[in-house]
Amino acid sequence: MPTTGQPPRLPPTARTIETLALEALGRLPEPFRAHLHNVVLFVEDFASDDVLKDMDIDDPFGLTGLYSGRPVGQEAQSGDLPPTIHLYRRPLLDEWVETGVQLDALITHVVVHEVGHHFGLSDIDMHVLEDMVAP
């Protein structure tokens, strides 16, 4: 089979997803950014089996992101882990290919949704915030 002279296209790495997520976080208005200093970002290929089971999700491609932790304003308890945002690379890449949405816009959408949980925002508020930080 002849080659086109183009290098093969590789899927975006976890590092690429992390970079896009950090860029989205950096576009958030200051009142939000000030309350994200202790939120830890993880990029993994898939959610763990335990997470999927806890959320009653059968398909590992069915979860693109997850916020864990106490929302802003709730008092921390002894032994609390820091709040986290998990992004799941493989489901994100599948959604990117299936929808045709730009990858940076998709990552921004998921990050804003998870940040919204950190702040206890409604879905409407999350959409407004997403419009504010769209790439």
N, C-alpha and C. Protein backbone atom coordinates (compact mmCIF):
# COMPACT_ATOMS: atom_id res chain seq x y z
N MET A 1 0.85 -1.18 0.00
CA MET A 1 0.00 0.00 0.00
C MET A 1 0.90 1.24 0.00
N PRO A 2 0.71 2.17 -0.91
CA PRO A 2 1.56 3.36 -0.96
C PRO A 2 1.26 4.30 0.20
N THR A 3 2.29 4.98 0.65
CA THR A 3 2.11 5.97 1.72
C THR A 3 1.95 7.34 1.10
N THR A 4 1.37 8.25 1.84
CA THR A 4 1.12 9.60 1.34
C THR A 4 2.26 10.55 1.68
N GLY A 5 3.27 10.06 2.38
CA GLY A 5 4.34 10.94 2.81
C GLY A 5 4.01 11.66 4.10
N GLN A 6 2.77 11.52 4.56
CA GLN A 6 2.35 12.13 5.81
C GLN A 6 2.62 11.16 6.96
N PRO A 7 3.10 11.66 8.09
CA PRO A 7 3.25 10.77 9.24
C PRO A 7 1.87 10.32 9.71
N PRO A 8 1.79 9.15 10.32
CA PRO A 8 0.48 8.70 10.81
C PRO A 8 -0.05 9.65 11.87
N ARG A 9 -1.35 9.83 11.88
CA ARG A 9 -1.98 10.68 12.89
C ARG A 9 -2.19 9.86 14.15
N LEU A 10 -1.67 10.36 15.24
CA LEU A 10 -1.82 9.70 16.52
C LEU A 10 -2.89 10.40 17.34
N PRO A 11 -3.63 9.66 18.14
CA PRO A 11 -4.64 10.32 18.97
C PRO A 11 -3.99 11.22 20.01
N PRO A 12 -4.69 12.27 20.41
CA PRO A 12 -4.15 13.15 21.44
C PRO A 12 -3.83 12.36 22.72
N THR A 13 -2.71 12.72 23.31
CA THR A 13 -2.24 12.06 24.52
C THR A 13 -2.93 12.65 25.75
N ALA A 14 -2.71 11.98 26.88
CA ALA A 14 -3.21 12.50 28.15
C ALA A 14 -2.62 13.88 28.42
N ARG A 15 -1.38 14.08 28.04
CA ARG A 15 -0.71 15.38 28.23
C ARG A 15 -1.42 16.47 27.42
N THR A 16 -1.82 16.14 26.20
CA THR A 16 -2.55 17.10 25.36
C THR A 16 -3.89 17.45 26.00
N ILE A 17 -4.61 16.43 26.48
CA ILE A 17 -5.89 16.66 27.15
C ILE A 17 -5.69 17.54 28.38
N GLU A 18 -4.65 17.25 29.16
CA GLU A 18 -4.35 18.04 30.35
C GLU A 18 -4.06 19.49 29.97
N THR A 19 -3.28 19.70 28.94
CA THR A 19 -2.94 21.06 28.49
C THR A 19 -4.21 21.82 28.11
N LEU A 20 -5.09 21.18 27.34
CA LEU A 20 -6.34 21.83 26.93
C LEU A 20 -7.22 22.13 28.15
N ALA A 21 -7.25 21.22 29.11
CA ALA A 21 -8.03 21.43 30.33
C ALA A 21 -7.48 22.60 31.14
N LEU A 22 -6.17 22.66 31.28
CA LEU A 22 -5.55 23.76 32.03
C LEU A 22 -5.78 25.09 31.33
N GLU A 23 -5.76 25.09 30.00
CA GLU A 23 -6.06 26.32 29.25
C GLU A 23 -7.50 26.75 29.51
N ALA A 24 -8.43 25.80 29.53
CA ALA A 24 -9.84 26.12 29.81
C ALA A 24 -9.97 26.69 31.22
N LEU A 25 -9.31 26.06 32.19
CA LEU A 25 -9.34 26.57 33.56
C LEU A 25 -8.76 27.98 33.63
N GLY A 26 -7.73 28.23 32.86
CA GLY A 26 -7.10 29.56 32.85
C GLY A 26 -7.98 30.64 32.25
N ARG A 27 -8.96 30.26 31.45
CA ARG A 27 -9.88 31.24 30.86
C ARG A 27 -11.07 31.57 31.77
N LEU A 28 -11.21 30.84 32.87
CA LEU A 28 -12.30 31.12 33.80
C LEU A 28 -12.13 32.50 34.41
N PRO A 29 -13.22 33.19 34.68
CA PRO A 29 -13.12 34.50 35.35
C PRO A 29 -12.48 34.34 36.73
N GLU A 30 -11.80 35.37 37.17
CA GLU A 30 -11.05 35.34 38.42
C GLU A 30 -11.85 34.87 39.64
N PRO A 31 -13.07 35.28 39.83
CA PRO A 31 -13.74 34.79 41.04
C PRO A 31 -13.77 33.25 41.10
N PHE A 32 -13.81 32.59 39.96
CA PHE A 32 -13.81 31.13 39.94
C PHE A 32 -12.39 30.59 40.13
N ARG A 33 -11.46 31.15 39.40
CA ARG A 33 -10.06 30.65 39.47
C ARG A 33 -9.53 30.70 40.90
N ALA A 34 -9.92 31.72 41.65
CA ALA A 34 -9.43 31.88 43.02
C ALA A 34 -9.82 30.70 43.92
N HIS A 35 -10.89 30.01 43.56
CA HIS A 35 -11.37 28.91 44.39
C HIS A 35 -11.00 27.54 43.81
N LEU A 36 -10.10 27.51 42.86
CA LEU A 36 -9.71 26.24 42.25
C LEU A 36 -8.28 25.83 42.59
N HIS A 37 -7.60 26.60 43.43
CA HIS A 37 -6.19 26.34 43.72
C HIS A 37 -5.94 24.97 44.33
N ASN A 38 -6.93 24.42 45.02
CA ASN A 38 -6.71 23.13 45.67
C ASN A 38 -7.36 21.97 44.91
N VAL A 39 -7.95 22.24 43.74
CA VAL A 39 -8.57 21.17 42.95
C VAL A 39 -7.48 20.49 42.12
N VAL A 40 -7.45 19.16 42.19
CA VAL A 40 -6.44 18.38 41.49
C VAL A 40 -7.06 17.83 40.20
N LEU A 41 -6.34 17.97 39.10
CA LEU A 41 -6.79 17.50 37.79
C LEU A 41 -6.08 16.20 37.45
N PHE A 42 -6.86 15.20 37.06
CA PHE A 42 -6.32 13.92 36.60
C PHE A 42 -6.85 13.64 35.21
N VAL A 43 -6.01 13.09 34.36
CA VAL A 43 -6.45 12.60 33.05
C VAL A 43 -6.09 11.12 33.00
N GLU A 44 -7.12 10.31 32.81
CA GLU A 44 -6.95 8.86 32.76
C GLU A 44 -7.65 8.35 31.51
N ASP A 45 -7.27 7.17 31.05
CA ASP A 45 -7.93 6.64 29.85
C ASP A 45 -9.41 6.37 30.10
N PHE A 46 -9.75 5.74 31.21
CA PHE A 46 -11.13 5.41 31.55
C PHE A 46 -11.35 5.58 33.05
N ALA A 47 -12.61 5.73 33.43
CA ALA A 47 -12.97 5.68 34.85
C ALA A 47 -12.74 4.26 35.35
N SER A 48 -12.44 4.13 36.62
CA SER A 48 -12.24 2.81 37.21
C SER A 48 -13.55 2.03 37.22
N ASP A 49 -13.44 0.73 37.31
CA ASP A 49 -14.64 -0.11 37.40
C ASP A 49 -15.49 0.27 38.60
N ASP A 50 -14.84 0.61 39.72
CA ASP A 50 -15.59 1.00 40.93
C ASP A 50 -16.39 2.28 40.70
N VAL A 51 -15.78 3.26 40.03
CA VAL A 51 -16.50 4.51 39.75
C VAL A 51 -17.69 4.24 38.84
N LEU A 52 -17.47 3.46 37.79
CA LEU A 52 -18.56 3.14 36.86
C LEU A 52 -19.69 2.41 37.59
N LYS A 53 -19.33 1.49 38.47
CA LYS A 53 -20.33 0.73 39.22
C LYS A 53 -21.10 1.66 40.16
N ASP A 54 -20.37 2.53 40.88
CA ASP A 54 -21.00 3.47 41.80
C ASP A 54 -21.98 4.41 41.08
N MET A 55 -21.66 4.74 39.83
CA MET A 55 -22.51 5.65 39.07
C MET A 55 -23.53 4.91 38.21
N ASP A 56 -23.53 3.58 38.32
CA ASP A 56 -24.46 2.73 37.56
C ASP A 56 -24.32 2.96 36.05
N ILE A 57 -23.06 3.00 35.61
CA ILE A 57 -22.74 3.17 34.19
C ILE A 57 -22.13 1.87 33.70
N ASP A 58 -22.76 1.26 32.70
CA ASP A 58 -22.29 -0.03 32.18
C ASP A 58 -21.18 0.13 31.14
N ASP A 59 -21.21 1.20 30.37
CA ASP A 59 -20.28 1.39 29.27
C ASP A 59 -19.14 2.32 29.71
N PRO A 60 -17.89 1.85 29.69
CA PRO A 60 -16.79 2.71 30.13
C PRO A 60 -16.62 3.95 29.24
N PHE A 61 -17.22 3.94 28.04
CA PHE A 61 -17.18 5.13 27.19
C PHE A 61 -18.28 6.12 27.55
N GLY A 62 -19.10 5.79 28.55
CA GLY A 62 -20.22 6.63 28.92
C GLY A 62 -19.91 7.73 29.91
N LEU A 63 -18.66 7.85 30.34
CA LEU A 63 -18.29 8.89 31.31
C LEU A 63 -17.05 9.61 30.81
N THR A 64 -17.19 10.92 30.56
CA THR A 64 -16.07 11.72 30.05
C THR A 64 -15.36 12.50 31.15
N GLY A 65 -16.07 12.79 32.24
CA GLY A 65 -15.46 13.55 33.32
C GLY A 65 -16.20 13.34 34.62
N LEU A 66 -15.50 13.65 35.72
CA LEU A 66 -16.10 13.45 37.04
C LEU A 66 -15.47 14.41 38.03
N TYR A 67 -16.33 15.06 38.83
CA TYR A 67 -15.87 15.88 39.95
C TYR A 67 -16.09 15.10 41.22
N SER A 68 -15.10 15.09 42.10
CA SER A 68 -15.24 14.47 43.41
C SER A 68 -14.76 15.46 44.46
N GLY A 69 -15.51 15.60 45.51
CA GLY A 69 -15.11 16.49 46.59
C GLY A 69 -16.28 17.30 47.10
N ARG A 70 -15.98 18.10 48.08
CA ARG A 70 -17.01 18.98 48.65
C ARG A 70 -17.07 20.27 47.83
N PRO A 71 -18.29 20.68 47.48
CA PRO A 71 -18.41 21.95 46.76
C PRO A 71 -17.95 23.13 47.61
N VAL A 72 -17.58 24.20 46.94
CA VAL A 72 -17.20 25.43 47.62
C VAL A 72 -18.33 25.83 48.57
N GLY A 73 -17.96 26.22 49.77
CA GLY A 73 -18.94 26.64 50.76
C GLY A 73 -19.30 25.57 51.77
N GLN A 74 -19.04 24.31 51.43
CA GLN A 74 -19.25 23.24 52.42
C GLN A 74 -17.99 23.09 53.24
N GLU A 75 -18.17 23.03 54.52
CA GLU A 75 -17.02 22.95 55.43
C GLU A 75 -16.29 21.62 55.25
N ALA A 76 -14.98 21.70 55.14
CA ALA A 76 -14.16 20.49 55.01
C ALA A 76 -14.20 19.71 56.31
N GLN A 77 -14.11 18.41 56.18
CA GLN A 77 -14.09 17.51 57.33
C GLN A 77 -12.69 16.92 57.47
N SER A 78 -12.34 16.56 58.66
CA SER A 78 -11.05 15.90 58.89
C SER A 78 -10.96 14.65 58.03
N GLY A 79 -9.86 14.50 57.33
CA GLY A 79 -9.66 13.33 56.48
C GLY A 79 -10.15 13.50 55.05
N ASP A 80 -10.76 14.65 54.74
CA ASP A 80 -11.20 14.89 53.37
C ASP A 80 -10.00 14.92 52.43
N LEU A 81 -10.15 14.27 51.29
CA LEU A 81 -9.15 14.39 50.23
C LEU A 81 -9.42 15.70 49.49
N PRO A 82 -8.42 16.22 48.78
CA PRO A 82 -8.68 17.45 48.01
C PRO A 82 -9.70 17.16 46.91
N PRO A 83 -10.46 18.18 46.52
CA PRO A 83 -11.40 17.98 45.42
C PRO A 83 -10.63 17.65 44.14
N THR A 84 -11.25 16.83 43.29
CA THR A 84 -10.59 16.40 42.05
C THR A 84 -11.53 16.52 40.86
N ILE A 85 -10.92 16.77 39.73
CA ILE A 85 -11.60 16.66 38.44
C ILE A 85 -10.86 15.59 37.66
N HIS A 86 -11.60 14.57 37.25
CA HIS A 86 -11.06 13.50 36.42
C HIS A 86 -11.60 13.68 35.01
N LEU A 87 -10.71 13.64 34.03
CA LEU A 87 -11.11 13.61 32.63
C LEU A 87 -10.72 12.25 32.08
N TYR A 88 -11.62 11.67 31.31
CA TYR A 88 -11.39 10.32 30.79
C TYR A 88 -11.14 10.40 29.28
N ARG A 89 -9.87 10.19 28.94
CA ARG A 89 -9.35 10.42 27.60
C ARG A 89 -10.07 9.64 26.50
N ARG A 90 -10.20 8.35 26.65
CA ARG A 90 -10.77 7.54 25.57
C ARG A 90 -12.24 7.91 25.29
N PRO A 91 -13.08 8.06 26.32
CA PRO A 91 -14.45 8.51 26.02
C PRO A 91 -14.48 9.91 25.40
N LEU A 92 -13.59 10.78 25.84
CA LEU A 92 -13.52 12.12 25.24
C LEU A 92 -13.14 12.03 23.77
N LEU A 93 -12.16 11.20 23.45
CA LEU A 93 -11.74 11.07 22.06
C LEU A 93 -12.84 10.48 21.20
N ASP A 94 -13.57 9.50 21.73
CA ASP A 94 -14.70 8.94 20.98
C ASP A 94 -15.76 9.99 20.71
N GLU A 95 -16.09 10.78 21.74
CA GLU A 95 -17.10 11.83 21.55
C GLU A 95 -16.61 12.87 20.55
N TRP A 96 -15.34 13.20 20.59
CA TRP A 96 -14.74 14.15 19.66
C TRP A 96 -14.92 13.67 18.23
N VAL A 97 -14.61 12.40 17.98
CA VAL A 97 -14.72 11.84 16.64
C VAL A 97 -16.18 11.74 16.21
N GLU A 98 -17.04 11.28 17.12
CA GLU A 98 -18.45 11.07 16.79
C GLU A 98 -19.20 12.37 16.54
N THR A 99 -18.87 13.42 17.28
CA THR A 99 -19.62 14.68 17.18
C THR A 99 -19.01 15.68 16.21
N GLY A 100 -17.71 15.58 15.99
CA GLY A 100 -17.04 16.55 15.14
C GLY A 100 -16.78 17.88 15.83
N VAL A 101 -17.10 17.97 17.12
CA VAL A 101 -16.83 19.18 17.89
C VAL A 101 -15.32 19.31 18.03
N GLN A 102 -14.80 20.54 17.97
CA GLN A 102 -13.37 20.74 18.15
C GLN A 102 -12.95 20.20 19.52
N LEU A 103 -11.77 19.58 19.58
CA LEU A 103 -11.33 18.96 20.83
C LEU A 103 -11.22 19.98 21.96
N ASP A 104 -10.68 21.16 21.69
CA ASP A 104 -10.56 22.15 22.76
C ASP A 104 -11.93 22.59 23.27
N ALA A 105 -12.92 22.67 22.39
CA ALA A 105 -14.28 23.04 22.82
C ALA A 105 -14.90 21.92 23.65
N LEU A 106 -14.67 20.68 23.26
CA LEU A 106 -15.20 19.55 24.02
C LEU A 106 -14.58 19.49 25.41
N ILE A 107 -13.26 19.64 25.48
CA ILE A 107 -12.57 19.61 26.77
C ILE A 107 -13.07 20.76 27.64
N THR A 108 -13.23 21.94 27.05
CA THR A 108 -13.74 23.09 27.80
C THR A 108 -15.13 22.78 28.35
N HIS A 109 -15.99 22.19 27.52
CA HIS A 109 -17.35 21.85 27.96
C HIS A 109 -17.32 20.93 29.18
N VAL A 110 -16.52 19.89 29.12
CA VAL A 110 -16.47 18.92 30.23
C VAL A 110 -15.84 19.55 31.47
N VAL A 111 -14.76 20.30 31.28
CA VAL A 111 -14.10 20.95 32.42
C VAL A 111 -15.06 21.93 33.10
N VAL A 112 -15.74 22.74 32.33
CA VAL A 112 -16.68 23.71 32.92
C VAL A 112 -17.79 22.97 33.66
N HIS A 113 -18.26 21.89 33.11
CA HIS A 113 -19.30 21.10 33.79
C HIS A 113 -18.80 20.60 35.14
N GLU A 114 -17.59 20.07 35.17
CA GLU A 114 -17.04 19.56 36.44
C GLU A 114 -16.75 20.69 37.41
N VAL A 115 -16.23 21.81 36.91
CA VAL A 115 -16.02 22.99 37.76
C VAL A 115 -17.36 23.46 38.32
N GLY A 116 -18.39 23.37 37.51
CA GLY A 116 -19.73 23.75 37.95
C GLY A 116 -20.17 22.96 39.17
N HIS A 117 -19.83 21.67 39.20
CA HIS A 117 -20.15 20.86 40.38
C HIS A 117 -19.38 21.35 41.60
N HIS A 118 -18.14 21.78 41.40
CA HIS A 118 -17.33 22.31 42.50
C HIS A 118 -17.99 23.54 43.12
N PHE A 119 -18.65 24.32 42.28
CA PHE A 119 -19.28 25.55 42.76
C PHE A 119 -20.78 25.38 43.03
N GLY A 120 -21.32 24.20 42.76
CA GLY A 120 -22.75 23.97 42.97
C GLY A 120 -23.62 24.74 41.98
N LEU A 121 -23.14 24.93 40.76
CA LEU A 121 -23.87 25.69 39.75
C LEU A 121 -24.99 24.86 39.13
N SER A 122 -26.02 25.54 38.67
CA SER A 122 -27.09 24.89 37.92
C SER A 122 -26.61 24.64 36.50
N ASP A 123 -27.34 23.83 35.75
CA ASP A 123 -26.98 23.58 34.36
C ASP A 123 -27.00 24.86 33.54
N ILE A 124 -27.95 25.74 33.82
CA ILE A 124 -28.03 27.02 33.10
C ILE A 124 -26.78 27.85 33.39
N ASP A 125 -26.40 27.93 34.67
CA ASP A 125 -25.19 28.68 35.04
C ASP A 125 -23.95 28.09 34.37
N MET A 126 -23.89 26.75 34.28
CA MET A 126 -22.74 26.10 33.62
C MET A 126 -22.67 26.49 32.15
N HIS A 127 -23.83 26.58 31.49
CA HIS A 127 -23.84 26.97 30.07
C HIS A 127 -23.38 28.41 29.90
N VAL A 128 -23.80 29.29 30.80
CA VAL A 128 -23.37 30.69 30.75
C VAL A 128 -21.85 30.77 30.94
N LEU A 129 -21.35 30.04 31.92
CA LEU A 129 -19.90 30.04 32.18
C LEU A 129 -19.16 29.46 30.99
N GLU A 130 -19.67 28.40 30.41
CA GLU A 130 -19.01 27.80 29.24
C GLU A 130 -18.95 28.80 28.09
N ASP A 131 -20.02 29.54 27.87
CA ASP A 131 -20.01 30.56 26.80
C ASP A 131 -18.94 31.62 27.08
N MET A 132 -18.71 31.93 28.34
CA MET A 132 -17.72 32.94 28.71
C MET A 132 -16.28 32.49 28.42
N VAL A 133 -16.04 31.18 28.49
CA VAL A 133 -14.66 30.68 28.37
C VAL A 133 -14.42 29.89 27.10
N ALA A 134 -15.39 29.89 26.19
CA ALA A 134 -15.25 29.11 24.95
C ALA A 134 -13.97 29.50 24.23
N PRO A 135 -13.29 28.47 23.69
CA PRO A 135 -12.03 28.76 22.96
C PRO A 135 -12.29 29.51 21.66
